[in-house]
Protein backbone atom coordinates (compact mmCIF):
# COMPACT_ATOMS: atom_id res chain seq x y z
CA MET A 1 0.00 0.00 0.00
CA ALA A 2 2.86 2.37 0.78
CA THR A 3 4.43 1.69 -2.63
CA ILE A 4 1.12 2.40 -4.34
CA GLY A 5 0.78 5.66 -2.40
CA ARG A 6 4.28 6.77 -3.38
CA ALA A 7 3.70 5.83 -7.01
CA LEU A 8 0.45 7.77 -7.12
CA ALA A 9 1.95 10.82 -5.38
CA SER A 10 4.93 10.96 -7.75
CA GLU A 11 2.79 10.96 -10.90
CA LYS A 12 1.28 14.15 -12.24
CA ALA A 13 -0.36 12.79 -15.41
CA PRO A 14 -2.89 9.96 -15.57
CA PRO A 15 -1.69 6.85 -13.70
CA SER A 16 1.01 4.90 -15.48
CA GLN A 17 1.19 1.20 -16.26
CA THR A 18 3.40 0.75 -13.19
CA PHE A 19 0.68 2.12 -10.95
CA HIS A 20 -1.93 -0.11 -12.57
CA SER A 21 0.24 -3.19 -12.16
CA LEU A 22 0.80 -2.36 -8.48
CA ALA A 23 -2.89 -1.69 -7.85
CA ASN A 24 -3.94 -4.90 -9.60
CA HIS A 25 -1.36 -7.17 -7.97
CA PRO A 26 -2.98 -10.46 -6.89
CA LEU A 27 -1.47 -10.37 -3.39
CA LEU A 28 -3.02 -6.96 -2.78
CA TRP A 29 -6.49 -8.31 -3.58
CA ILE A 30 -5.94 -11.44 -1.49
CA SER A 31 -4.94 -9.19 1.42
CA ILE A 32 -7.97 -6.93 0.99
CA GLN A 33 -10.44 -9.80 0.82
CA THR A 34 -8.85 -11.55 3.79
CA ARG A 35 -9.04 -8.36 5.85
CA ALA A 36 -12.70 -7.91 4.90
CA THR A 37 -13.61 -11.44 6.01
CA ILE A 38 -11.70 -10.98 9.26
CA ALA A 39 -13.70 -7.79 9.86
CA LEU A 40 -16.92 -9.73 9.28
CA GLY A 41 -15.65 -12.39 11.69
CA ILE A 42 -15.05 -9.70 14.31
CA VAL A 43 -18.59 -8.40 13.84
CA PHE A 44 -19.84 -11.95 14.35
CA LEU A 45 -17.72 -12.25 17.51
CA LYS A 46 -19.17 -8.99 18.86
CA THR A 47 -22.74 -10.18 18.34
CA ALA A 48 -22.49 -13.90 19.19
CA LYS A 49 -19.90 -13.61 22.00
CA PRO A 50 -18.61 -17.21 21.83
CA GLY A 51 -15.96 -18.59 24.16
CA LEU A 52 -12.23 -18.76 23.43
CA ALA A 53 -12.46 -21.89 21.27
CA GLY A 54 -15.36 -20.47 19.25
CA SER A 55 -13.51 -17.19 18.79
CA LEU A 56 -10.38 -18.90 17.52
CA ILE A 57 -12.41 -21.08 15.16
CA THR A 58 -14.32 -18.05 13.88
CA ILE A 59 -11.15 -16.10 13.06
CA GLY A 60 -9.56 -19.20 11.51
CA VAL A 61 -12.58 -19.76 9.29
CA ALA A 62 -12.61 -16.06 8.35
CA ILE A 63 -8.97 -16.23 7.27
CA VAL A 64 -9.52 -19.39 5.22
CA LEU A 65 -12.65 -17.95 3.57
CA GLY A 66 -10.84 -14.70 2.77
CA ILE A 67 -7.96 -16.48 1.10
CA ALA A 68 -10.24 -18.95 -0.70
CA SER A 69 -12.51 -16.21 -2.00
CA ALA A 70 -9.56 -14.32 -3.46
CA LEU A 71 -7.84 -17.27 -5.14
CA PRO A 72 -9.94 -17.15 -8.33
CA ILE A 73 -8.75 -13.56 -8.98
CA PRO A 74 -5.14 -14.47 -9.98
CA ARG A 75 -6.43 -17.32 -12.16
CA ARG A 76 -8.79 -14.96 -14.02
CA GLU A 77 -5.96 -12.49 -14.63
CA ARG A 78 -3.66 -15.21 -15.95
CA ALA A 79 -6.43 -16.55 -18.17
CA SER A 80 -7.13 -13.11 -19.64
CA GLU A 81 -3.42 -12.48 -20.19
CA GLY A 82 -3.12 -15.81 -22.01
CA SER A 83 -6.04 -15.04 -24.29
CA ALA A 84 -4.61 -11.61 -25.20
CA ASP A 85 -1.42 -13.14 -26.65
């Protein structure tokens, strides 16, 4: 995120290809989706108030779901790059 911020701040014209490649990096999207599912898991923890074991399971499931939901994104990008060649 810091690299993207520096790249955007240093450019005066429309964003370059470097900025687009940084903003569309698969690991960035995996990170964003994992953080979103963890946030949803925290909301669940605040409302359900499970014990320690339930809390750990909830966060574990949130992490797995976040990573699993983001995995198709890199495959789609690779597939579209392959079809463009």
